[in-house]
Structure formats: C-alpha cells, structure tokens
C-alpha cells in the first residue's frame, strides 16, 4: 500500500515536487500523505492531512485557547 503527496508550495513559495509514501529513507509504516497544503510528509495516520495552510491551522489552535 502507498499514497501520493501532490507537489505543493511552501510558505516561502518554494515548489516541493510530489512524492510517494512511504519514502525510501523513512519509516515503512508511514504510508499516508499527511500534513497541510503547504507542508506535507508521510505518516501512519490516514486522517492526518488538512487542506489548510500550516500557519492558519496553528493560528486557529491559539485562538481557541
């Protein structure tokens, strides 16, 4: 099993090419594309991708505290 992380732009506007999980140099249980629209990585939780920018989600967690 594997999943694809589509290419994206970081908050610094740098293009990161798409990649397939798990990556060759990472944990073999990291099968899913996780993270945010501007910061993606492989992880083992299929529900850990959020279609928002990382900074926006971080701001939301601060505003609810």
Protein backbone atom coordinates (compact mmCIF):
# COMPACT_ATOMS: atom_id res chain seq x y z
CA UNK A 1 0.00 0.00 0.00
CA UNK A 2 1.16 3.55 -0.72
CA UNK A 3 -0.21 7.02 -1.29
CA UNK A 4 0.89 10.04 -3.28
CA UNK A 5 1.56 13.51 -1.92
CA UNK A 6 0.98 16.01 -4.70
CA UNK A 7 3.50 18.78 -5.30
CA UNK A 8 2.98 21.95 -3.29
CA UNK A 9 4.41 25.38 -2.49
CA UNK A 10 5.85 26.02 0.95
CA UNK A 11 5.05 29.21 2.86
CA UNK A 12 8.32 30.57 1.42
CA UNK A 13 6.85 29.95 -2.07
CA UNK A 14 9.30 27.12 -2.85
CA UNK A 15 7.97 24.29 -5.01
CA UNK A 16 8.26 20.83 -3.48
CA UNK A 17 7.83 18.06 -6.04
CA UNK A 18 5.26 15.38 -5.36
CA UNK A 19 6.35 12.14 -3.72
CA UNK A 20 5.02 8.71 -2.83
CA UNK A 21 4.68 7.40 0.71
CA UNK A 22 6.43 5.62 2.22
CA UNK A 23 9.64 7.33 1.15
CA UNK A 24 12.66 5.09 0.66
CA UNK A 25 14.51 6.78 3.53
CA UNK A 26 11.62 6.82 6.03
CA UNK A 27 9.61 4.51 8.24
CA UNK A 28 7.91 1.77 6.22
CA UNK A 29 4.68 2.26 8.22
CA UNK A 30 4.43 5.90 7.04
CA UNK A 31 2.04 5.00 4.24
CA UNK A 32 -0.14 8.10 4.11
CA UNK A 33 0.29 11.67 2.91
CA UNK A 34 -0.09 13.87 5.98
CA UNK A 35 0.33 17.49 6.91
CA UNK A 36 -1.09 20.63 5.35
CA UNK A 37 -1.43 22.21 1.92
CA UNK A 38 1.96 23.91 2.39
CA UNK A 39 3.80 21.25 4.46
CA UNK A 40 3.39 17.59 3.53
CA UNK A 41 5.05 14.48 4.92
CA UNK A 42 4.46 10.74 5.22
CA UNK A 43 2.91 9.32 8.39
CA UNK A 44 0.99 6.28 9.64
CA UNK A 45 -2.39 8.00 10.24
CA UNK A 46 -4.77 8.15 7.24
CA UNK A 47 -6.68 11.06 8.83
CA UNK A 48 -3.78 13.46 9.28
CA UNK A 49 -3.99 15.60 6.14
CA UNK A 50 -5.63 19.00 6.44
CA UNK A 51 -6.37 21.05 3.28
CA UNK A 52 -5.34 24.29 5.00
CA UNK A 53 -2.08 26.14 5.37
CA UNK A 54 0.02 25.16 8.38
CA UNK A 55 0.09 28.72 9.75
CA UNK A 56 -3.69 29.02 9.52
CA UNK A 57 -4.25 25.83 11.49
CA UNK A 58 -1.70 26.92 14.11
CA UNK A 59 -3.47 30.29 14.43
CA UNK A 60 -6.81 28.50 14.95
CA UNK A 61 -5.43 26.42 17.81
CA UNK A 62 -4.16 29.59 19.52
CA UNK A 63 -7.43 31.45 19.10
CA UNK A 64 -9.44 28.68 20.79
CA UNK A 65 -7.17 28.53 23.85
